[in-house]
Amino acid sequence: HDIGKPVVAKPRAYDGILQYDEQGRQRHTFGD
């Protein structure tokens, strides 16, 4: 059900600020 996510993954950002998790790993968005 989520095999399309790695293909469309883009860095997640709020107001131009990249978002990271607690371990410092880049979060992503997965449009379409």
PDB file of all heavy atoms in Angstrom:
ATOM      1  N   HIS A   1       0.808  -1.223   0.000  1.00  0.00           N
ATOM      2  CA  HIS A   1       0.000   0.000   0.000  1.00  0.00           C
ATOM      3  C   HIS A   1       0.840   1.272   0.000  1.00  0.00           C
ATOM      4  O   HIS A   1       0.351   2.345  -0.395  1.00  0.00           O
ATOM      5  CB  HIS A   1      -0.961   0.007   1.205  1.00  0.00           C
ATOM      6  CG  HIS A   1      -0.322   0.376   2.510  1.00  0.00           C
ATOM      7  ND1 HIS A   1       0.476  -0.487   3.229  1.00  0.00           N
ATOM      8  CD2 HIS A   1      -0.369   1.533   3.220  1.00  0.00           C
ATOM      9  CE1 HIS A   1       0.881   0.099   4.331  1.00  0.00           C
ATOM     10  NE2 HIS A   1       0.388   1.334   4.359  1.00  0.00           N
ATOM     11  N   ASP A   2       2.103   1.212   0.415  1.00  0.00           N
ATOM     12  CA  ASP A   2       2.927   2.420   0.469  1.00  0.00           C
ATOM     13  C   ASP A   2       4.165   2.348  -0.418  1.00  0.00           C
ATOM     14  O   ASP A   2       5.113   3.126  -0.225  1.00  0.00           O
ATOM     15  CB  ASP A   2       3.375   2.689   1.917  1.00  0.00           C
ATOM     16  CG  ASP A   2       2.371   3.535   2.685  1.00  0.00           C
ATOM     17  OD1 ASP A   2       1.456   4.105   2.045  1.00  0.00           O
ATOM     18  OD2 ASP A   2       2.490   3.626   3.914  1.00  0.00           O
ATOM     19  N   ILE A   3       4.193   1.451  -1.395  1.00  0.00           N
ATOM     20  CA  ILE A   3       5.406   1.326  -2.213  1.00  0.00           C
ATOM     21  C   ILE A   3       5.651   2.561  -3.079  1.00  0.00           C
ATOM     22  O   ILE A   3       6.758   2.762  -3.587  1.00  0.00           O
ATOM     23  CB  ILE A   3       5.363   0.074  -3.108  1.00  0.00           C
ATOM     24  CG1 ILE A   3       4.167   0.118  -4.065  1.00  0.00           C
ATOM     25  CG2 ILE A   3       5.345  -1.187  -2.267  1.00  0.00           C
ATOM     26  CD1 ILE A   3       4.172  -1.035  -5.070  1.00  0.00           C
ATOM     27  N   GLY A   4       4.626   3.395  -3.235  1.00  0.00           N
ATOM     28  CA  GLY A   4       4.800   4.611  -4.020  1.00  0.00           C
ATOM     29  C   GLY A   4       5.501   5.725  -3.253  1.00  0.00           C
ATOM     30  O   GLY A   4       6.011   6.679  -3.854  1.00  0.00           O
ATOM     31  N   LYS A   5       5.566   5.616  -1.927  1.00  0.00           N
ATOM     32  CA  LYS A   5       6.139   6.699  -1.120  1.00  0.00           C
ATOM     33  C   LYS A   5       7.615   6.967  -1.411  1.00  0.00           C
ATOM     34  O   LYS A   5       8.002   8.135  -1.608  1.00  0.00           O
ATOM     35  CB  LYS A   5       5.926   6.413   0.365  1.00  0.00           C
ATOM     36  CG  LYS A   5       4.512   6.685   0.840  1.00  0.00           C
ATOM     37  CD  LYS A   5       4.371   6.519   2.339  1.00  0.00           C
ATOM     38  CE  LYS A   5       2.971   6.933   2.817  1.00  0.00           C
ATOM     39  NZ  LYS A   5       2.816   6.770   4.283  1.00  0.00           N
ATOM     40  N   PRO A   6       8.474   5.953  -1.439  1.00  0.00           N
ATOM     41  CA  PRO A   6       9.890   6.243  -1.728  1.00  0.00           C
ATOM     42  C   PRO A   6      10.091   6.885  -3.102  1.00  0.00           C
ATOM     43  O   PRO A   6      11.043   7.655  -3.295  1.00  0.00           O
ATOM     44  CB  PRO A   6      10.548   4.856  -1.665  1.00  0.00           C
ATOM     45  CG  PRO A   6       9.654   4.053  -0.779  1.00  0.00           C
ATOM     46  CD  PRO A   6       8.276   4.527  -1.116  1.00  0.00           C
ATOM     47  N   VAL A   7       9.219   6.608  -4.036  1.00  0.00           N
ATOM     48  CA  VAL A   7       9.345   7.135  -5.399  1.00  0.00           C
ATOM     49  C   VAL A   7       9.051   8.636  -5.448  1.00  0.00           C
ATOM     50  O   VAL A   7       9.721   9.390  -6.170  1.00  0.00           O
ATOM     51  CB  VAL A   7       8.406   6.376  -6.361  1.00  0.00           C
ATOM     52  CG1 VAL A   7       8.481   6.964  -7.760  1.00  0.00           C
ATOM     53  CG2 VAL A   7       8.750   4.892  -6.383  1.00  0.00           C
ATOM     54  N   VAL A   8       8.051   9.065  -4.673  1.00  0.00           N
ATOM     55  CA  VAL A   8       7.617  10.465  -4.742  1.00  0.00           C
ATOM     56  C   VAL A   8       8.114  11.297  -3.560  1.00  0.00           C
ATOM     57  O   VAL A   8       7.770  12.477  -3.443  1.00  0.00           O
ATOM     58  CB  VAL A   8       6.078  10.553  -4.808  1.00  0.00           C
ATOM     59  CG1 VAL A   8       5.562   9.804  -6.022  1.00  0.00           C
ATOM     60  CG2 VAL A   8       5.443   9.993  -3.526  1.00  0.00           C
ATOM     61  N   ALA A   9       8.915  10.694  -2.661  1.00  0.00           N
ATOM     62  CA  ALA A   9       9.330  11.368  -1.426  1.00  0.00           C
ATOM     63  C   ALA A   9      10.041  12.697  -1.690  1.00  0.00           C
ATOM     64  O   ALA A   9      10.932  12.788  -2.537  1.00  0.00           O
ATOM     65  CB  ALA A   9      10.241  10.443  -0.623  1.00  0.00           C
ATOM     66  N   LYS A  10       9.607  13.709  -0.952  1.00  0.00           N
ATOM     67  CA  LYS A  10      10.247  15.022  -0.999  1.00  0.00           C
ATOM     68  C   LYS A  10      10.461  15.520   0.429  1.00  0.00           C
ATOM     69  O   LYS A  10       9.661  15.222   1.314  1.00  0.00           O
ATOM     70  CB  LYS A  10       9.375  16.028  -1.769  1.00  0.00           C
ATOM     71  CG  LYS A  10       9.233  15.716  -3.247  1.00  0.00           C
ATOM     72  CD  LYS A  10       8.398  16.778  -3.932  1.00  0.00           C
ATOM     73  CE  LYS A  10       8.280  16.479  -5.435  1.00  0.00           C
ATOM     74  NZ  LYS A  10       7.455  17.515  -6.120  1.00  0.00           N
ATOM     75  N   PRO A  11      11.548  16.265   0.679  1.00  0.00           N
ATOM     76  CA  PRO A  11      11.809  16.772   2.025  1.00  0.00           C
ATOM     77  C   PRO A  11      10.625  17.572   2.564  1.00  0.00           C
ATOM     78  O   PRO A  11      10.048  18.401   1.857  1.00  0.00           O
ATOM     79  CB  PRO A  11      13.051  17.662   1.845  1.00  0.00           C
ATOM     80  CG  PRO A  11      13.734  17.092   0.650  1.00  0.00           C
ATOM     81  CD  PRO A  11      12.613  16.657  -0.266  1.00  0.00           C
ATOM     82  N   ARG A  12      10.271  17.312   3.805  1.00  0.00           N
ATOM     83  CA  ARG A  12       9.144  18.007   4.433  1.00  0.00           C
ATOM     84  C   ARG A  12       9.652  19.303   5.062  1.00  0.00           C
ATOM     85  O   ARG A  12      10.667  19.313   5.768  1.00  0.00           O
ATOM     86  CB  ARG A  12       8.506  17.121   5.502  1.00  0.00           C
ATOM     87  CG  ARG A  12       7.264  17.717   6.146  1.00  0.00           C
ATOM     88  CD  ARG A  12       6.634  16.694   7.095  1.00  0.00           C
ATOM     89  NE  ARG A  12       5.449  17.179   7.753  1.00  0.00           N
ATOM     90  CZ  ARG A  12       4.235  17.193   7.231  1.00  0.00           C
ATOM     91  NH1 ARG A  12       4.047  16.738   6.000  1.00  0.00           N
ATOM     92  NH2 ARG A  12       3.200  17.633   7.901  1.00  0.00           N
ATOM     93  N   ALA A  13       8.932  20.417   4.809  1.00  0.00           N
ATOM     94  CA  ALA A  13       9.352  21.719   5.337  1.00  0.00           C
ATOM     95  C   ALA A  13       8.147  22.552   5.726  1.00  0.00           C
ATOM     96  O   ALA A  13       7.071  22.447   5.119  1.00  0.00           O
ATOM     97  CB  ALA A  13      10.193  22.462   4.304  1.00  0.00           C
ATOM     98  N   TYR A  14       8.302  23.349   6.776  1.00  0.00           N
ATOM     99  CA  TYR A  14       7.295  24.324   7.199  1.00  0.00           C
ATOM    100  C   TYR A  14       7.919  25.718   7.086  1.00  0.00           C
ATOM    101  O   TYR A  14       8.970  25.984   7.677  1.00  0.00           O
ATOM    102  CB  TYR A  14       6.872  24.082   8.644  1.00  0.00           C
ATOM    103  CG  TYR A  14       5.946  22.908   8.834  1.00  0.00           C
ATOM    104  CD1 TYR A  14       6.199  21.974   9.841  1.00  0.00           C
ATOM    105  CD2 TYR A  14       4.822  22.728   8.033  1.00  0.00           C
ATOM    106  CE1 TYR A  14       5.355  20.897  10.030  1.00  0.00           C
ATOM    107  CE2 TYR A  14       3.978  21.653   8.221  1.00  0.00           C
ATOM    108  CZ  TYR A  14       4.246  20.739   9.217  1.00  0.00           C
ATOM    109  OH  TYR A  14       3.422  19.672   9.412  1.00  0.00           O
ATOM    110  N   ASP A  15       7.287  26.572   6.294  1.00  0.00           N
ATOM    111  CA  ASP A  15       7.795  27.933   6.110  1.00  0.00           C
ATOM    112  C   ASP A  15       9.265  27.931   5.713  1.00  0.00           C
ATOM    113  O   ASP A  15      10.078  28.735   6.204  1.00  0.00           O
ATOM    114  CB  ASP A  15       7.610  28.745   7.400  1.00  0.00           C
ATOM    115  CG  ASP A  15       6.148  28.935   7.750  1.00  0.00           C
ATOM    116  OD1 ASP A  15       5.316  29.008   6.814  1.00  0.00           O
ATOM    117  OD2 ASP A  15       5.836  28.997   8.946  1.00  0.00           O
ATOM    118  N   GLY A  16       9.605  26.991   4.829  1.00  0.00           N
ATOM    119  CA  GLY A  16      10.968  26.943   4.324  1.00  0.00           C
ATOM    120  C   GLY A  16      11.952  26.271   5.249  1.00  0.00           C
ATOM    121  O   GLY A  16      13.147  26.183   4.939  1.00  0.00           O
ATOM    122  N   ILE A  17      11.489  25.780   6.407  1.00  0.00           N
ATOM    123  CA  ILE A  17      12.377  25.124   7.377  1.00  0.00           C
ATOM    124  C   ILE A  17      12.203  23.610   7.265  1.00  0.00           C
ATOM    125  O   ILE A  17      11.099  23.091   7.466  1.00  0.00           O
ATOM    126  CB  ILE A  17      12.073  25.578   8.816  1.00  0.00           C
ATOM    127  CG1 ILE A  17      12.237  27.092   8.923  1.00  0.00           C
ATOM    128  CG2 ILE A  17      12.974  24.851   9.807  1.00  0.00           C
ATOM    129  CD1 ILE A  17      11.856  27.649  10.284  1.00  0.00           C
ATOM    130  N   LEU A  18      13.260  22.912   6.938  1.00  0.00           N
ATOM    131  CA  LEU A  18      13.203  21.469   6.813  1.00  0.00           C
ATOM    132  C   LEU A  18      12.884  20.823   8.157  1.00  0.00           C
ATOM    133  O   LEU A  18      13.332  21.279   9.212  1.00  0.00           O
ATOM    134  CB  LEU A  18      14.545  20.929   6.281  1.00  0.00           C
ATOM    135  CG  LEU A  18      14.900  21.329   4.852  1.00  0.00           C
ATOM    136  CD1 LEU A  18      16.299  20.827   4.497  1.00  0.00           C
ATOM    137  CD2 LEU A  18      13.879  20.779   3.862  1.00  0.00           C
ATOM    138  N   GLN A  19      12.113  19.737   8.098  1.00  0.00           N
ATOM    139  CA  GLN A  19      11.672  19.052   9.309  1.00  0.00           C
ATOM    140  C   GLN A  19      12.446  17.745   9.493  1.00  0.00           C
ATOM    141  O   GLN A  19      12.648  16.985   8.548  1.00  0.00           O
ATOM    142  CB  GLN A  19      10.174  18.757   9.220  1.00  0.00           C
ATOM    143  CG  GLN A  19       9.316  19.994   9.012  1.00  0.00           C
ATOM    144  CD  GLN A  19       9.391  20.939  10.196  1.00  0.00           C
ATOM    145  OE1 GLN A  19       9.135  20.546  11.334  1.00  0.00           O
ATOM    146  NE2 GLN A  19       9.762  22.190   9.926  1.00  0.00           N
ATOM    147  N   TYR A  20      12.858  17.523  10.770  1.00  0.00           N
ATOM    148  CA  TYR A  20      13.605  16.313  11.109  1.00  0.00           C
ATOM    149  C   TYR A  20      12.951  15.625  12.299  1.00  0.00           C
ATOM    150  O   TYR A  20      12.253  16.265  13.092  1.00  0.00           O
ATOM    151  CB  TYR A  20      15.059  16.653  11.447  1.00  0.00           C
ATOM    152  CG  TYR A  20      15.807  17.313  10.310  1.00  0.00           C
ATOM    153  CD1 TYR A  20      15.760  18.696  10.138  1.00  0.00           C
ATOM    154  CD2 TYR A  20      16.540  16.557   9.411  1.00  0.00           C
ATOM    155  CE1 TYR A  20      16.434  19.302   9.080  1.00  0.00           C
ATOM    156  CE2 TYR A  20      17.228  17.149   8.352  1.00  0.00           C
ATOM    157  CZ  TYR A  20      17.165  18.520   8.198  1.00  0.00           C
ATOM    158  OH  TYR A  20      17.829  19.130   7.162  1.00  0.00           O
ATOM    159  N   ASP A  21      13.189  14.321  12.409  1.00  0.00           N
ATOM    160  CA  ASP A  21      12.657  13.610  13.563  1.00  0.00           C
ATOM    161  C   ASP A  21      13.609  13.749  14.742  1.00  0.00           C
ATOM    162  O   ASP A  21      14.639  14.433  14.656  1.00  0.00           O
ATOM    163  CB  ASP A  21      12.389  12.140  13.233  1.00  0.00           C
ATOM    164  CG  ASP A  21      13.662  11.344  12.973  1.00  0.00           C
ATOM    165  OD1 ASP A  21      14.773  11.901  13.103  1.00  0.00           O
ATOM    166  OD2 ASP A  21      13.546  10.148  12.635  1.00  0.00           O
ATOM    167  N   GLU A  22      13.305  13.102  15.875  1.00  0.00           N
ATOM    168  CA  GLU A  22      14.091  13.222  17.097  1.00  0.00           C
ATOM    169  C   GLU A  22      15.523  12.739  16.906  1.00  0.00           C
ATOM    170  O   GLU A  22      16.426  13.121  17.658  1.00  0.00           O
ATOM    171  CB  GLU A  22      13.422  12.443  18.233  1.00  0.00           C
ATOM    172  CG  GLU A  22      12.069  12.987  18.665  1.00  0.00           C
ATOM    173  CD  GLU A  22      10.938  12.579  17.725  1.00  0.00           C
ATOM    174  OE1 GLU A  22      11.225  11.861  16.738  1.00  0.00           O
ATOM    175  OE2 GLU A  22       9.794  12.998  17.962  1.00  0.00           O
ATOM    176  N   GLN A  23      15.736  11.875  15.923  1.00  0.00           N
ATOM    177  CA  GLN A  23      17.068  11.335  15.677  1.00  0.00           C
ATOM    178  C   GLN A  23      17.812  12.120  14.597  1.00  0.00           C
ATOM    179  O   GLN A  23      18.885  11.708  14.141  1.00  0.00           O
ATOM    180  CB  GLN A  23      16.966   9.869  15.274  1.00  0.00           C
ATOM    181  CG  GLN A  23      16.307   8.996  16.332  1.00  0.00           C
ATOM    182  CD  GLN A  23      16.173   7.555  15.892  1.00  0.00           C
ATOM    183  OE1 GLN A  23      17.068   7.003  15.251  1.00  0.00           O
ATOM    184  NE2 GLN A  23      15.050   6.930  16.229  1.00  0.00           N
ATOM    185  N   GLY A  24      17.235  13.230  14.183  1.00  0.00           N
ATOM    186  CA  GLY A  24      17.894  14.073  13.205  1.00  0.00           C
ATOM    187  C   GLY A  24      17.746  13.612  11.770  1.00  0.00           C
ATOM    188  O   GLY A  24      18.484  14.069  10.881  1.00  0.00           O
ATOM    189  N   ARG A  25      16.773  12.762  11.513  1.00  0.00           N
ATOM    190  CA  ARG A  25      16.569  12.246  10.153  1.00  0.00           C
ATOM    191  C   ARG A  25      15.520  13.088   9.427  1.00  0.00           C
ATOM    192  O   ARG A  25      14.520  13.485  10.013  1.00  0.00           O
ATOM    193  CB  ARG A  25      16.144  10.773  10.202  1.00  0.00           C
ATOM    194  CG  ARG A  25      17.190   9.856  10.822  1.00  0.00           C
ATOM    195  CD  ARG A  25      16.674   8.432  10.942  1.00  0.00           C
ATOM    196  NE  ARG A  25      15.493   8.346  11.821  1.00  0.00           N
ATOM    197  CZ  ARG A  25      14.864   7.216  12.122  1.00  0.00           C
ATOM    198  NH1 ARG A  25      15.295   6.065  11.599  1.00  0.00           N
ATOM    199  NH2 ARG A  25      13.822   7.238  12.923  1.00  0.00           N
ATOM    200  N   GLN A  26      15.782  13.321   8.158  1.00  0.00           N
ATOM    201  CA  GLN A  26      14.898  14.158   7.349  1.00  0.00           C
ATOM    202  C   GLN A  26      13.507  13.537   7.199  1.00  0.00           C
ATOM    203  O   GLN A  26      13.362  12.375   6.843  1.00  0.00           O
ATOM    204  CB  GLN A  26      15.504  14.347   5.964  1.00  0.00           C
ATOM    205  CG  GLN A  26      14.621  15.088   4.976  1.00  0.00           C
ATOM    206  CD  GLN A  26      14.443  16.545   5.340  1.00  0.00           C
ATOM    207  OE1 GLN A  26      15.410  17.288   5.394  1.00  0.00           O
ATOM    208  NE2 GLN A  26      13.212  16.959   5.604  1.00  0.00           N
ATOM    209  N   ARG A  27      12.472  14.326   7.489  1.00  0.00           N
ATOM    210  CA  ARG A  27      11.104  13.872   7.258  1.00  0.00           C
ATOM    211  C   ARG A  27      10.726  14.142   5.806  1.00  0.00           C
ATOM    212  O   ARG A  27      11.336  14.991   5.145  1.00  0.00           O
ATOM    213  CB  ARG A  27      10.121  14.573   8.199  1.00  0.00           C
ATOM    214  CG  ARG A  27      10.294  14.205   9.676  1.00  0.00           C
ATOM    215  CD  ARG A  27       9.154  14.736  10.506  1.00  0.00           C
ATOM    216  NE  ARG A  27       9.276  14.444  11.919  1.00  0.00           N
ATOM    217  CZ  ARG A  27       8.950  13.282  12.481  1.00  0.00           C
ATOM    218  NH1 ARG A  27       8.483  12.299  11.720  1.00  0.00           N
ATOM    219  NH2 ARG A  27       9.077  13.104  13.770  1.00  0.00           N
ATOM    220  N   HIS A  28       9.708  13.445   5.323  1.00  0.00           N
ATOM    221  CA  HIS A  28       9.318  13.577   3.919  1.00  0.00           C
ATOM    222  C   HIS A  28       7.811  13.725   3.764  1.00  0.00           C
ATOM    223  O   HIS A  28       7.024  13.369   4.657  1.00  0.00           O
ATOM    224  CB  HIS A  28       9.774  12.345   3.123  1.00  0.00           C
ATOM    225  CG  HIS A  28      11.257  12.173   3.055  1.00  0.00           C
ATOM    226  ND1 HIS A  28      11.965  11.537   4.051  1.00  0.00           N
ATOM    227  CD2 HIS A  28      12.159  12.556   2.121  1.00  0.00           C
ATOM    228  CE1 HIS A  28      13.255  11.521   3.736  1.00  0.00           C
ATOM    229  NE2 HIS A  28      13.396  12.128   2.570  1.00  0.00           N
ATOM    230  N   THR A  29       7.433  14.239   2.621  1.00  0.00           N
ATOM    231  CA  THR A  29       6.032  14.229   2.189  1.00  0.00           C
ATOM    232  C   THR A  29       5.936  13.306   0.977  1.00  0.00           C
ATOM    233  O   THR A  29       6.939  13.039   0.303  1.00  0.00           O
ATOM    234  CB  THR A  29       5.562  15.642   1.797  1.00  0.00           C
ATOM    235  OG1 THR A  29       6.390  16.139   0.734  1.00  0.00           O
ATOM    236  CG2 THR A  29       5.642  16.585   2.985  1.00  0.00           C
ATOM    237  N   PHE A  30       4.725  12.857   0.698  1.00  0.00           N
ATOM    238  CA  PHE A  30       4.564  11.842  -0.349  1.00  0.00           C
ATOM    239  C   PHE A  30       3.355  12.147  -1.216  1.00  0.00           C
ATOM    240  O   PHE A  30       2.365  11.406  -1.227  1.00  0.00           O
ATOM    241  CB  PHE A  30       4.418  10.453   0.279  1.00  0.00           C
ATOM    242  CG  PHE A  30       5.477  10.125   1.296  1.00  0.00           C
ATOM    243  CD1 PHE A  30       5.200  10.214   2.655  1.00  0.00           C
ATOM    244  CD2 PHE A  30       6.746   9.750   0.895  1.00  0.00           C
ATOM    245  CE1 PHE A  30       6.168   9.915   3.594  1.00  0.00           C
ATOM    246  CE2 PHE A  30       7.726   9.445   1.823  1.00  0.00           C
ATOM    247  CZ  PHE A  30       7.442   9.531   3.188  1.00  0.00           C
ATOM    248  N   GLY A  31       3.399  13.202  -1.942  1.00  0.00           N
ATOM    249  CA  GLY A  31       2.271  13.587  -2.777  1.00  0.00           C
ATOM    250  C   GLY A  31       1.937  12.564  -3.849  1.00  0.00           C
ATOM    251  O   GLY A  31       2.826  12.068  -4.549  1.00  0.00           O
ATOM    252  N   ASP A  32       0.654  12.234  -3.939  1.00  0.00           N
ATOM    253  CA  ASP A  32       0.142  11.292  -4.950  1.00  0.00           C
ATOM    254  C   ASP A  32       0.767   9.904  -4.847  1.00  0.00           C
ATOM    255  O   ASP A  32       0.803   9.160  -5.833  1.00  0.00           O
ATOM    256  CB  ASP A  32       0.368  11.830  -6.369  1.00  0.00           C
ATOM    257  CG  ASP A  32      -0.503  13.030  -6.677  1.00  0.00           C
ATOM    258  OD1 ASP A  32      -1.625  13.092  -6.125  1.00  0.00           O
ATOM    259  OD2 ASP A  32      -0.070  13.890  -7.455  1.00  0.00           O
TER     260      ASP A  32
END
